């Protein structure tokens, strides 16, 4: 069951003007929406430009996607992308192993040269 108070991102506009156009279309259809800077562009110098996420209530997200022509649902706001789902300890272990292998190659190369 969908939560009418939970906001979901339905699409991303390329700039504030496109976001305003999408919000206007949604408003005309009776769907309230919000826009916010995309997470990578929430730097103060870039707030006036850059991409914007379009958010609507979860219970009307399917209707909003259909209206804007967004075919595939995007991940929920606040969800961790699968690329970052690996535990930090495993990532650290991979980093240490890579650095150790690189150091071993440098050491072996220095032994061959001298």
PDB file of N, CA and C in Angstrom:
ATOM      1  N   UNK A   1       0.847  -1.182   0.000  1.00  0.00           N
ATOM      2  CA  UNK A   1       0.000   0.000   0.000  1.00  0.00           C
ATOM      3  C   UNK A   1       0.889   1.242   0.000  1.00  0.00           C
ATOM      4  N   UNK A   2       0.536   2.209  -0.781  1.00  0.00           N
ATOM      5  CA  UNK A   2       1.361   3.417  -0.889  1.00  0.00           C
ATOM      6  C   UNK A   2       1.001   4.428   0.195  1.00  0.00           C
ATOM      7  N   UNK A   3       2.021   5.133   0.625  1.00  0.00           N
ATOM      8  CA  UNK A   3       1.877   6.138   1.676  1.00  0.00           C
ATOM      9  C   UNK A   3       1.645   7.503   1.025  1.00  0.00           C
ATOM     10  N   UNK A   4       0.529   8.173   1.293  1.00  0.00           N
ATOM     11  CA  UNK A   4       0.260   9.461   0.642  1.00  0.00           C
ATOM     12  C   UNK A   4       1.177  10.582   1.129  1.00  0.00           C
ATOM     13  N   UNK A   5       1.903  10.369   2.225  1.00  0.00           N
ATOM     14  CA  UNK A   5       2.769  11.420   2.753  1.00  0.00           C
ATOM     15  C   UNK A   5       4.234  11.222   2.371  1.00  0.00           C
ATOM     16  N   UNK A   6       4.553  10.090   1.787  1.00  0.00           N
ATOM     17  CA  UNK A   6       5.935   9.803   1.389  1.00  0.00           C
ATOM     18  C   UNK A   6       6.170  10.352  -0.019  1.00  0.00           C
ATOM     19  N   UNK A   7       7.234  11.129  -0.170  1.00  0.00           N
ATOM     20  CA  UNK A   7       7.561  11.683  -1.479  1.00  0.00           C
ATOM     21  C   UNK A   7       8.495  10.750  -2.227  1.00  0.00           C
ATOM     22  N   UNK A   8       8.249  10.625  -3.533  1.00  0.00           N
ATOM     23  CA  UNK A   8       9.115   9.823  -4.393  1.00  0.00           C
ATOM     24  C   UNK A   8       9.566  10.683  -5.569  1.00  0.00           C
ATOM     25  N   UNK A   9      10.777  10.423  -6.030  1.00  0.00           N
ATOM     26  CA  UNK A   9      11.306  11.140  -7.188  1.00  0.00           C
ATOM     27  C   UNK A   9      10.796  10.434  -8.428  1.00  0.00           C
ATOM     28  N   UNK A  10      10.128  11.177  -9.298  1.00  0.00           N
ATOM     29  CA  UNK A  10       9.590  10.550 -10.505  1.00  0.00           C
ATOM     30  C   UNK A  10      10.488  10.788 -11.714  1.00  0.00           C
ATOM     31  N   UNK A  11      11.216  11.892 -11.713  1.00  0.00           N
ATOM     32  CA  UNK A  11      12.122  12.188 -12.821  1.00  0.00           C
ATOM     33  C   UNK A  11      13.062  13.305 -12.405  1.00  0.00           C
ATOM     34  N   UNK A  12      14.002  13.612 -13.271  1.00  0.00           N
ATOM     35  CA  UNK A  12      14.935  14.706 -13.030  1.00  0.00           C
ATOM     36  C   UNK A  12      14.881  15.667 -14.208  1.00  0.00           C
ATOM     37  N   UNK A  13      14.662  16.934 -13.917  1.00  0.00           N
ATOM     38  CA  UNK A  13      14.672  17.973 -14.950  1.00  0.00           C
ATOM     39  C   UNK A  13      16.108  18.452 -15.138  1.00  0.00           C
ATOM     40  N   UNK A  14      16.450  18.865 -16.344  1.00  0.00           N
ATOM     41  CA  UNK A  14      17.826  19.291 -16.629  1.00  0.00           C
ATOM     42  C   UNK A  14      18.164  20.654 -16.051  1.00  0.00           C
ATOM     43  N   UNK A  15      17.153  21.479 -15.796  1.00  0.00           N
ATOM     44  CA  UNK A  15      17.403  22.824 -15.260  1.00  0.00           C
ATOM     45  C   UNK A  15      16.123  23.328 -14.586  1.00  0.00           C
ATOM     46  N   UNK A  16      16.196  24.444 -13.857  1.00  0.00           N
ATOM     47  CA  UNK A  16      15.008  24.947 -13.160  1.00  0.00           C
ATOM     48  C   UNK A  16      13.846  25.303 -14.084  1.00  0.00           C
ATOM     49  N   UNK A  17      14.142  25.741 -15.284  1.00  0.00           N
ATOM     50  CA  UNK A  17      13.068  26.087 -16.222  1.00  0.00           C
ATOM     51  C   UNK A  17      12.285  24.852 -16.632  1.00  0.00           C
ATOM     52  N   UNK A  18      12.992  23.784 -16.942  1.00  0.00           N
ATOM     53  CA  UNK A  18      12.321  22.536 -17.290  1.00  0.00           C
ATOM     54  C   UNK A  18      11.544  21.991 -16.093  1.00  0.00           C
ATOM     55  N   UNK A  19      12.095  22.145 -14.892  1.00  0.00           N
ATOM     56  CA  UNK A  19      11.396  21.705 -13.682  1.00  0.00           C
ATOM     57  C   UNK A  19      10.095  22.484 -13.501  1.00  0.00           C
ATOM     58  N   UNK A  20      10.140  23.790 -13.737  1.00  0.00           N
ATOM     59  CA  UNK A  20       8.929  24.614 -13.611  1.00  0.00           C
ATOM     60  C   UNK A  20       7.877  24.194 -14.629  1.00  0.00           C
ATOM     61  N   UNK A  21       8.305  23.847 -15.830  1.00  0.00           N
ATOM     62  CA  UNK A  21       7.373  23.394 -16.868  1.00  0.00           C
ATOM     63  C   UNK A  21       6.718  22.069 -16.458  1.00  0.00           C
ATOM     64  N   UNK A  22       7.514  21.150 -15.926  1.00  0.00           N
ATOM     65  CA  UNK A  22       6.963  19.862 -15.479  1.00  0.00           C
ATOM     66  C   UNK A  22       5.994  20.060 -14.314  1.00  0.00           C
ATOM     67  N   UNK A  23       6.371  20.927 -13.375  1.00  0.00           N
ATOM     68  CA  UNK A  23       5.499  21.185 -12.233  1.00  0.00           C
ATOM     69  C   UNK A  23       4.203  21.847 -12.670  1.00  0.00           C
ATOM     70  N   UNK A  24       4.269  22.694 -13.674  1.00  0.00           N
ATOM     71  CA  UNK A  24       3.062  23.339 -14.184  1.00  0.00           C
ATOM     72  C   UNK A  24       2.121  22.301 -14.796  1.00  0.00           C
ATOM     73  N   UNK A  25       2.677  21.361 -15.560  1.00  0.00           N
ATOM     74  CA  UNK A  25       1.852  20.306 -16.153  1.00  0.00           C
ATOM     75  C   UNK A  25       1.218  19.444 -15.066  1.00  0.00           C
ATOM     76  N   UNK A  26       1.987  19.135 -14.031  1.00  0.00           N
ATOM     77  CA  UNK A  26       1.450  18.345 -12.926  1.00  0.00           C
ATOM     78  C   UNK A  26       0.370  19.123 -12.166  1.00  0.00           C
ATOM     79  N   UNK A  27       0.609  20.403 -11.941  1.00  0.00           N
ATOM     80  CA  UNK A  27      -0.363  21.240 -11.226  1.00  0.00           C
ATOM     81  C   UNK A  27      -1.670  21.320 -12.015  1.00  0.00           C
ATOM     82  N   UNK A  28      -1.578  21.459 -13.343  1.00  0.00           N
ATOM     83  CA  UNK A  28      -2.784  21.518 -14.178  1.00  0.00           C
ATOM     84  C   UNK A  28      -3.598  20.225 -14.085  1.00  0.00           C
ATOM     85  N   UNK A  29      -2.897  19.097 -13.829  1.00  0.00           N
ATOM     86  CA  UNK A  29      -3.589  17.815 -13.693  1.00  0.00           C
ATOM     87  C   UNK A  29      -4.047  17.565 -12.259  1.00  0.00           C
ATOM     88  N   UNK A  30      -3.791  18.521 -11.350  1.00  0.00           N
ATOM     89  CA  UNK A  30      -4.222  18.383  -9.971  1.00  0.00           C
ATOM     90  C   UNK A  30      -3.265  17.570  -9.107  1.00  0.00           C
ATOM     91  N   UNK A  31      -2.006  17.455  -9.558  1.00  0.00           N
ATOM     92  CA  UNK A  31      -1.015  16.693  -8.800  1.00  0.00           C
ATOM     93  C   UNK A  31      -0.010  17.671  -8.199  1.00  0.00           C
ATOM     94  N   UNK A  32      -0.004  17.825  -6.873  1.00  0.00           N
ATOM     95  CA  UNK A  32       0.983  18.712  -6.256  1.00  0.00           C
ATOM     96  C   UNK A  32       2.381  18.091  -6.349  1.00  0.00           C
ATOM     97  N   UNK A  33       3.382  18.950  -6.523  1.00  0.00           N
ATOM     98  CA  UNK A  33       4.752  18.450  -6.661  1.00  0.00           C
ATOM     99  C   UNK A  33       5.740  19.435  -6.053  1.00  0.00           C
ATOM    100  N   UNK A  34       6.926  18.943  -5.809  1.00  0.00           N
ATOM    101  CA  UNK A  34       8.035  19.751  -5.317  1.00  0.00           C
ATOM    102  C   UNK A  34       9.225  19.519  -6.222  1.00  0.00           C
ATOM    103  N   UNK A  35      10.117  20.495  -6.268  1.00  0.00           N
ATOM    104  CA  UNK A  35      11.388  20.238  -6.936  1.00  0.00           C
ATOM    105  C   UNK A  35      12.501  20.615  -5.975  1.00  0.00           C
ATOM    106  N   UNK A  36      13.618  19.939  -6.127  1.00  0.00           N
ATOM    107  CA  UNK A  36      14.782  20.222  -5.288  1.00  0.00           C
ATOM    108  C   UNK A  36      16.032  19.987  -6.128  1.00  0.00           C
ATOM    109  N   UNK A  37      17.137  20.599  -5.757  1.00  0.00           N
ATOM    110  CA  UNK A  37      18.371  20.347  -6.493  1.00  0.00           C
ATOM    111  C   UNK A  37      18.758  18.872  -6.387  1.00  0.00           C
ATOM    112  N   UNK A  38      19.209  18.316  -7.485  1.00  0.00           N
ATOM    113  CA  UNK A  38      19.715  16.953  -7.456  1.00  0.00           C
ATOM    114  C   UNK A  38      20.896  16.911  -6.494  1.00  0.00           C
ATOM    115  N   UNK A  39      21.060  15.818  -5.789  1.00  0.00           N
ATOM    116  CA  UNK A  39      22.050  15.742  -4.713  1.00  0.00           C
ATOM    117  C   UNK A  39      23.444  16.163  -5.141  1.00  0.00           C
ATOM    118  N   UNK A  40      23.864  15.854  -6.319  1.00  0.00           N
ATOM    119  CA  UNK A  40      25.218  16.224  -6.753  1.00  0.00           C
ATOM    120  C   UNK A  40      25.339  17.723  -7.019  1.00  0.00           C
ATOM    121  N   UNK A  41      24.216  18.420  -7.156  1.00  0.00           N
ATOM    122  CA  UNK A  41      24.241  19.837  -7.488  1.00  0.00           C
ATOM    123  C   UNK A  41      23.665  20.706  -6.386  1.00  0.00           C
ATOM    124  N   UNK A  42      23.768  20.277  -5.135  1.00  0.00           N
ATOM    125  CA  UNK A  42      23.231  21.080  -4.040  1.00  0.00           C
ATOM    126  C   UNK A  42      24.284  22.020  -3.451  1.00  0.00           C
ATOM    127  N   UNK A  43      25.286  22.369  -4.248  1.00  0.00           N
ATOM    128  CA  UNK A  43      26.296  23.339  -3.856  1.00  0.00           C
ATOM    129  C   UNK A  43      25.687  24.725  -4.019  1.00  0.00           C
ATOM    130  N   UNK A  44      25.966  25.623  -3.092  1.00  0.00           N
ATOM    131  CA  UNK A  44      25.320  26.938  -3.107  1.00  0.00           C
ATOM    132  C   UNK A  44      25.505  27.675  -4.431  1.00  0.00           C
ATOM    133  N   UNK A  45      26.674  27.573  -5.047  1.00  0.00           N
ATOM    134  CA  UNK A  45      26.907  28.276  -6.308  1.00  0.00           C
ATOM    135  C   UNK A  45      26.087  27.702  -7.460  1.00  0.00           C
ATOM    136  N   UNK A  46      25.615  26.470  -7.338  1.00  0.00           N
ATOM    137  CA  UNK A  46      24.908  25.825  -8.434  1.00  0.00           C
ATOM    138  C   UNK A  46      23.405  25.700  -8.193  1.00  0.00           C
ATOM    139  N   UNK A  47      22.893  26.282  -7.105  1.00  0.00           N
ATOM    140  CA  UNK A  47      21.466  26.138  -6.812  1.00  0.00           C
ATOM    141  C   UNK A  47      20.573  26.769  -7.878  1.00  0.00           C
ATOM    142  N   UNK A  48      21.031  27.829  -8.510  1.00  0.00           N
ATOM    143  CA  UNK A  48      20.204  28.504  -9.510  1.00  0.00           C
ATOM    144  C   UNK A  48      20.256  27.801 -10.860  1.00  0.00           C
ATOM    145  N   UNK A  49      21.166  26.877 -11.037  1.00  0.00           N
ATOM    146  CA  UNK A  49      21.280  26.137 -12.297  1.00  0.00           C
ATOM    147  C   UNK A  49      21.344  24.656 -11.974  1.00  0.00           C
ATOM    148  N   UNK A  50      21.522  23.866 -12.980  1.00  0.00           N
ATOM    149  CA  UNK A  50      21.705  22.436 -12.763  1.00  0.00           C
ATOM    150  C   UNK A  50      20.418  21.668 -12.667  1.00  0.00           C
ATOM    151  N   UNK A  51      20.528  20.343 -12.608  1.00  0.00           N
ATOM    152  CA  UNK A  51      19.348  19.485 -12.607  1.00  0.00           C
ATOM    153  C   UNK A  51      18.544  19.576 -11.314  1.00  0.00           C
ATOM    154  N   UNK A  52      17.253  19.291 -11.436  1.00  0.00           N
ATOM    155  CA  UNK A  52      16.323  19.335 -10.302  1.00  0.00           C
ATOM    156  C   UNK A  52      15.523  18.030 -10.276  1.00  0.00           C
ATOM    157  N   UNK A  53      15.355  17.447  -9.089  1.00  0.00           N
ATOM    158  CA  UNK A  53      14.498  16.276  -8.916  1.00  0.00           C
ATOM    159  C   UNK A  53      13.057  16.737  -8.770  1.00  0.00           C
ATOM    160  N   UNK A  54      12.151  16.041  -9.425  1.00  0.00           N
ATOM    161  CA  UNK A  54      10.719  16.321  -9.310  1.00  0.00           C
ATOM    162  C   UNK A  54      10.136  15.264  -8.371  1.00  0.00           C
ATOM    163  N   UNK A  55       9.528  15.721  -7.269  1.00  0.00           N
ATOM    164  CA  UNK A  55       8.982  14.833  -6.245  1.00  0.00           C
ATOM    165  C   UNK A  55       7.467  14.971  -6.171  1.00  0.00           C
ATOM    166  N   UNK A  56       6.784  13.834  -6.032  1.00  0.00           N
ATOM    167  CA  UNK A  56       5.330  13.824  -5.828  1.00  0.00           C
ATOM    168  C   UNK A  56       5.015  12.813  -4.736  1.00  0.00           C
ATOM    169  N   UNK A  57       3.791  12.863  -4.229  1.00  0.00           N
ATOM    170  CA  UNK A  57       3.355  11.884  -3.230  1.00  0.00           C
ATOM    171  C   UNK A  57       3.342  10.496  -3.862  1.00  0.00           C
ATOM    172  N   UNK A  58       3.682   9.499  -3.065  1.00  0.00           N
ATOM    173  CA  UNK A  58       3.805   8.135  -3.574  1.00  0.00           C
ATOM    174  C   UNK A  58       2.503   7.612  -4.184  1.00  0.00           C
ATOM    175  N   UNK A  59       1.376   7.988  -3.608  1.00  0.00           N
ATOM    176  CA  UNK A  59       0.103   7.450  -4.092  1.00  0.00           C
ATOM    177  C   UNK A  59      -0.305   7.982  -5.468  1.00  0.00           C
ATOM    178  N   UNK A  60       0.264   9.089  -5.928  1.00  0.00           N
ATOM    179  CA  UNK A  60      -0.054   9.614  -7.266  1.00  0.00           C
ATOM    180  C   UNK A  60       1.146   9.534  -8.207  1.00  0.00           C
ATOM    181  N   UNK A  61       2.188   8.799  -7.807  1.00  0.00           N
ATOM    182  CA  UNK A  61       3.406   8.754  -8.615  1.00  0.00           C
ATOM    183  C   UNK A  61       3.182   8.091  -9.966  1.00  0.00           C
ATOM    184  N   UNK A  62       2.373   7.052 -10.021  1.00  0.00           N
ATOM    185  CA  UNK A  62       2.120   6.381 -11.302  1.00  0.00           C
ATOM    186  C   UNK A  62       1.415   7.320 -12.272  1.00  0.00           C
ATOM    187  N   UNK A  63       0.438   8.070 -11.785  1.00  0.00           N
ATOM    188  CA  UNK A  63      -0.276   9.025 -12.628  1.00  0.00           C
ATOM    189  C   UNK A  63       0.657  10.139 -13.102  1.00  0.00           C
ATOM    190  N   UNK A  64       1.518  10.622 -12.215  1.00  0.00           N
ATOM    191  CA  UNK A  64       2.462  11.685 -12.571  1.00  0.00           C
ATOM    192  C   UNK A  64       3.473  11.193 -13.609  1.00  0.00           C
ATOM    193  N   UNK A  65       3.961   9.960 -13.436  1.00  0.00           N
ATOM    194  CA  UNK A  65       4.900   9.397 -14.425  1.00  0.00           C
ATOM    195  C   UNK A  65       4.238   9.277 -15.786  1.00  0.00           C
ATOM    196  N   UNK A  66       2.994   8.829 -15.800  1.00  0.00           N
ATOM    197  CA  UNK A  66       2.270   8.684 -17.063  1.00  0.00           C
ATOM    198  C   UNK A  66       2.077  10.044 -17.728  1.00  0.00           C
ATOM    199  N   UNK A  67       1.757  11.054 -16.943  1.00  0.00           N
ATOM    200  CA  UNK A  67       1.542  12.392 -17.479  1.00  0.00           C
ATOM    201  C   UNK A  67       2.815  12.967 -18.093  1.00  0.00           C
ATOM    202  N   UNK A  68       3.954  12.753 -17.411  1.00  0.00           N
ATOM    203  CA  UNK A  68       5.219  13.300 -17.903  1.00  0.00           C
ATOM    204  C   UNK A  68       5.930  12.374 -18.881  1.00  0.00           C
ATOM    205  N   UNK A  69       5.408  11.169 -19.072  1.00  0.00           N
ATOM    206  CA  UNK A  69       6.019  10.244 -20.017  1.00  0.00           C
ATOM    207  C   UNK A  69       7.253   9.543 -19.484  1.00  0.00           C
ATOM    208  N   UNK A  70       7.332   9.419 -18.174  1.00  0.00           N
ATOM    209  CA  UNK A  70       8.440   8.703 -17.551  1.00  0.00           C
ATOM    210  C   UNK A  70       8.028   7.243 -17.480  1.00  0.00           C
ATOM    211  N   UNK A  71       8.725   6.376 -18.207  1.00  0.00           N
ATOM    212  CA  UNK A  71       8.296   4.986 -18.324  1.00  0.00           C
ATOM    213  C   UNK A  71       8.673   4.128 -17.133  1.00  0.00           C
ATOM    214  N   UNK A  72       9.863   4.288 -16.636  1.00  0.00           N
ATOM    215  CA  UNK A  72      10.381   3.365 -15.631  1.00  0.00           C
ATOM    216  C   UNK A  72      10.551   4.078 -14.293  1.00  0.00           C
ATOM    217  N   UNK A  73      10.084   3.495 -13.218  1.00  0.00           N
ATOM    218  CA  UNK A  73      10.268   4.138 -11.916  1.00  0.00           C
ATOM    219  C   UNK A  73      11.756   4.227 -11.562  1.00  0.00           C
ATOM    220  N   UNK A  74      12.117   5.323 -10.942  1.00  0.00           N
ATOM    221  CA  UNK A  74      13.489   5.485 -10.468  1.00  0.00           C
ATOM    222  C   UNK A  74      13.529   5.102  -9.002  1.00  0.00           C
ATOM    223  N   UNK A  75      14.721   4.935  -8.459  1.00  0.00           N
ATOM    224  CA  UNK A  75      14.833   4.511  -7.064  1.00  0.00           C
ATOM    225  C   UNK A  75      14.232   5.559  -6.129  1.00  0.00           C
ATOM    226  N   UNK A  76      13.803   5.125  -4.994  1.00  0.00           N
ATOM    227  CA  UNK A  76      13.148   6.007  -4.028  1.00  0.00           C
ATOM    228  C   UNK A  76      14.120   7.041  -3.474  1.00  0.00           C
ATOM    229  N   UNK A  77      13.586   8.169  -3.069  1.00  0.00           N
ATOM    230  CA  UNK A  77      14.398   9.217  -2.468  1.00  0.00           C
ATOM    231  C   UNK A  77      15.030   8.677  -1.185  1.00  0.00           C
ATOM    232  N   UNK A  78      16.316   8.844  -1.053  1.00  0.00           N
ATOM    233  CA  UNK A  78      17.022   8.375   0.132  1.00  0.00           C
ATOM    234  C   UNK A  78      17.511   6.945   0.054  1.00  0.00           C
ATOM    235  N   UNK A  79      17.141   6.213  -1.003  1.00  0.00           N
ATOM    236  CA  UNK A  79      17.593   4.831  -1.140  1.00  0.00           C
ATOM    237  C   UNK A  79      19.066   4.808  -1.543  1.00  0.00           C
ATOM    238  N   UNK A  80      19.768   3.808  -1.094  1.00  0.00           N
ATOM    239  CA  UNK A  80      21.185   3.666  -1.417  1.00  0.00           C
ATOM    240  C   UNK A  80      21.297   2.974  -2.769  1.00  0.00           C
ATOM    241  N   UNK A  81      22.031   3.571  -3.731  1.00  0.00           N
ATOM    242  CA  UNK A  81      22.212   2.893  -5.015  1.00  0.00           C
ATOM    243  C   UNK A  81      22.921   1.555  -4.827  1.00  0.00           C
ATOM    244  N   UNK A  82      22.615   0.594  -5.677  1.00  0.00           N
ATOM    245  CA  UNK A  82      23.223  -0.721  -5.538  1.00  0.00           C
ATOM    246  C   UNK A  82      24.733  -0.663  -5.663  1.00  0.00           C
ATOM    247  N   UNK A  83      25.251   0.290  -6.407  1.00  0.00           N
ATOM    248  CA  UNK A  83      26.701   0.411  -6.555  1.00  0.00           C
ATOM    249  C   UNK A  83      27.372   0.739  -5.230  1.00  0.00           C
ATOM    250  N   UNK A  84      26.649   1.351  -4.294  1.00  0.00           N
ATOM    251  CA  UNK A  84      27.210   1.720  -2.997  1.00  0.00           C
ATOM    252  C   UNK A  84      26.732   0.814  -1.876  1.00  0.00           C
ATOM    253  N   UNK A  85      26.087  -0.279  -2.200  1.00  0.00           N
ATOM    254  CA  UNK A  85      25.515  -1.154  -1.181  1.00  0.00           C
ATOM    255  C   UNK A  85      26.559  -2.048  -0.520  1.00  0.00           C
ATOM    256  N   UNK A  86      27.784  -2.105  -1.052  1.00  0.00           N
ATOM    257  CA  UNK A  86      28.829  -2.936  -0.474  1.00  0.00           C
ATOM    258  C   UNK A  86      29.291  -2.342   0.857  1.00  0.00           C
ATOM    259  N   UNK A  87      29.549  -3.184   1.859  1.00  0.00           N
ATOM    260  CA  UNK A  87      29.976  -2.661   3.167  1.00  0.00           C
ATOM    261  C   UNK A  87      31.304  -1.906   3.059  1.00  0.00           C
ATOM    262  N   UNK A  88      31.453  -0.829   3.803  1.00  0.00           N
ATOM    263  CA  UNK A  88      32.696  -0.057   3.751  1.00  0.00           C
ATOM    264  C   UNK A  88      33.933  -0.872   4.117  1.00  0.00           C
ATOM    265  N   UNK A  89      33.791  -1.839   5.017  1.00  0.00           N
ATOM    266  CA  UNK A  89      34.951  -2.648   5.394  1.00  0.00           C
ATOM    267  C   UNK A  89      35.474  -3.455   4.209  1.00  0.00           C
ATOM    268  N   UNK A  90      34.574  -3.949   3.365  1.00  0.00           N
ATOM    269  CA  UNK A  90      35.005  -4.703   2.182  1.00  0.00           C
ATOM    270  C   UNK A  90      35.677  -3.771   1.179  1.00  0.00           C
ATOM    271  N   UNK A  91      35.140  -2.573   1.021  1.00  0.00           N
ATOM    272  CA  UNK A  91      35.779  -1.609   0.124  1.00  0.00           C
ATOM    273  C   UNK A  91      37.171  -1.241   0.623  1.00  0.00           C
ATOM    274  N   UNK A  92      37.329  -1.063   1.933  1.00  0.00           N
ATOM    275  CA  UNK A  92      38.631  -0.747   2.513  1.00  0.00           C
ATOM    276  C   UNK A  92      39.608  -1.900   2.291  1.00  0.00           C
ATOM    277  N   UNK A  93      39.149  -3.136   2.450  1.00  0.00           N
ATOM    278  CA  UNK A  93      40.004  -4.304   2.232  1.00  0.00           C
ATOM    279  C   UNK A  93      40.476  -4.358   0.774  1.00  0.00           C
ATOM    280  N   UNK A  94      39.590  -4.042  -0.158  1.00  0.00           N
ATOM    281  CA  UNK A  94      39.975  -4.016  -1.572  1.00  0.00           C
ATOM    282  C   UNK A  94      40.999  -2.924  -1.843  1.00  0.00           C
ATOM    283  N   UNK A  95      40.824  -1.774  -1.214  1.00  0.00           N
ATOM    284  CA  UNK A  95      41.776  -0.675  -1.377  1.00  0.00           C
ATOM    285  C   UNK A  95      43.151  -1.062  -0.851  1.00  0.00           C
ATOM    286  N   UNK A  96      43.200  -1.662   0.326  1.00  0.00           N
ATOM    287  CA  UNK A  96      44.476  -2.077   0.915  1.00  0.00           C
ATOM    288  C   UNK A  96      45.134  -3.145   0.040  1.00  0.00           C
ATOM    289  N   UNK A  97      44.359  -4.102  -0.449  1.00  0.00           N
ATOM    290  CA  UNK A  97      44.917  -5.145  -1.317  1.00  0.00           C
ATOM    291  C   UNK A  97      45.477  -4.546  -2.605  1.00  0.00           C
ATOM    292  N   UNK A  98      44.772  -3.593  -3.179  1.00  0.00           N
ATOM    293  CA  UNK A  98      45.253  -2.933  -4.391  1.00  0.00           C
ATOM    294  C   UNK A  98      46.526  -2.151  -4.152  1.00  0.00           C
ATOM    295  N   UNK A  99      46.585  -1.440  -3.031  1.00  0.00           N
ATOM    296  CA  UNK A  99      47.802  -0.693  -2.700  1.00  0.00           C
ATOM    297  C   UNK A  99      48.967  -1.630  -2.439  1.00  0.00           C
ATOM    298  N   UNK A 100      48.724  -2.749  -1.779  1.00  0.00           N
ATOM    299  CA  UNK A 100      49.783  -3.726  -1.520  1.00  0.00           C
ATOM    300  C   UNK A 100      50.290  -4.329  -2.825  1.00  0.00           C
ATOM    301  N   UNK A 101      49.387  -4.652  -3.744  1.00  0.00           N
ATOM    302  CA  UNK A 101      49.804  -5.197  -5.037  1.00  0.00           C
ATOM    303  C   UNK A 101      50.609  -4.174  -5.824  1.00  0.00           C
ATOM    304  N   UNK A 102      50.185  -2.913  -5.787  1.00  0.00           N
ATOM    305  CA  UNK A 102      50.935  -1.859  -6.464  1.00  0.00           C
ATOM    306  C   UNK A 102      52.316  -1.677  -5.867  1.00  0.00           C
ATOM    307  N   UNK A 103      52.412  -1.714  -4.530  1.00  0.00           N
ATOM    308  CA  UNK A 103      53.718  -1.584  -3.871  1.00  0.00           C
ATOM    309  C   UNK A 103      54.618  -2.760  -4.221  1.00  0.00           C
ATOM    310  N   UNK A 104      54.054  -3.974  -4.298  1.00  0.00           N
ATOM    311  CA  UNK A 104      54.843  -5.147  -4.676  1.00  0.00           C
ATOM    312  C   UNK A 104      55.374  -5.018  -6.100  1.00  0.00           C
ATOM    313  N   UNK A 105      54.569  -4.489  -7.007  1.00  0.00           N
ATOM    314  CA  UNK A 105      55.020  -4.284  -8.394  1.00  0.00           C
ATOM    315  C   UNK A 105      56.137  -3.254  -8.455  1.00  0.00           C
ATOM    316  N   UNK A 106      56.008  -2.169  -7.712  1.00  0.00           N
ATOM    317  CA  UNK A 106      57.052  -1.149  -7.694  1.00  0.00           C
ATOM    318  C   UNK A 106      58.336  -1.728  -7.106  1.00  0.00           C
ATOM    319  N   UNK A 107      58.225  -2.495  -6.035  1.00  0.00           N
ATOM    320  CA  UNK A 107      59.404  -3.108  -5.423  1.00  0.00           C
ATOM    321  C   UNK A 107      60.078  -4.076  -6.401  1.00  0.00           C
ATOM    322  N   UNK A 108      59.259  -4.929  -7.085  1.00  0.00           N
ATOM    323  CA  UNK A 108      59.830  -5.879  -8.036  1.00  0.00           C
ATOM    324  C   UNK A 108      60.487  -5.152  -9.204  1.00  0.00           C
ATOM    325  N   UNK A 109      59.878  -4.082  -9.673  1.00  0.00           N
ATOM    326  CA  UNK A 109      60.460  -3.322 -10.777  1.00  0.00           C
ATOM    327  C   UNK A 109      61.773  -2.666 -10.360  1.00  0.00           C
ATOM    328  N   UNK A 110      61.846  -2.174  -9.125  1.00  0.00           N
ATOM    329  CA  UNK A 110      63.086  -1.551  -8.646  1.00  0.00           C
ATOM    330  C   UNK A 110      64.191  -2.593  -8.495  1.00  0.00           C
ATOM    331  N   UNK A 111      63.874  -3.832  -8.136  1.00  0.00           N
ATOM    332  CA  UNK A 111      64.855  -4.906  -8.021  1.00  0.00           C
ATOM    333  C   UNK A 111      65.382  -5.328  -9.392  1.00  0.00           C
ATOM    334  N   UNK A 112      64.507  -5.324 -10.400  1.00  0.00           N
ATOM    335  CA  UNK A 112      64.924  -5.715 -11.755  1.00  0.00           C
ATOM    336  C   UNK A 112      65.841  -4.660 -12.337  1.00  0.00           C
ATOM    337  N   UNK A 113      65.513  -3.397 -12.119  1.00  0.00           N
ATOM    338  CA  UNK A 113      66.306  -2.299 -12.680  1.00  0.00           C
ATOM    339  C   UNK A 113      67.674  -2.234 -12.036  1.00  0.00           C
ATOM    340  N   UNK A 114      67.790  -2.464 -10.745  1.00  0.00           N
ATOM    341  CA  UNK A 114      69.090  -2.318 -10.071  1.00  0.00           C
ATOM    342  C   UNK A 114      69.915  -3.571 -10.047  1.00  0.00           C
TER     343      UNK A 114
END
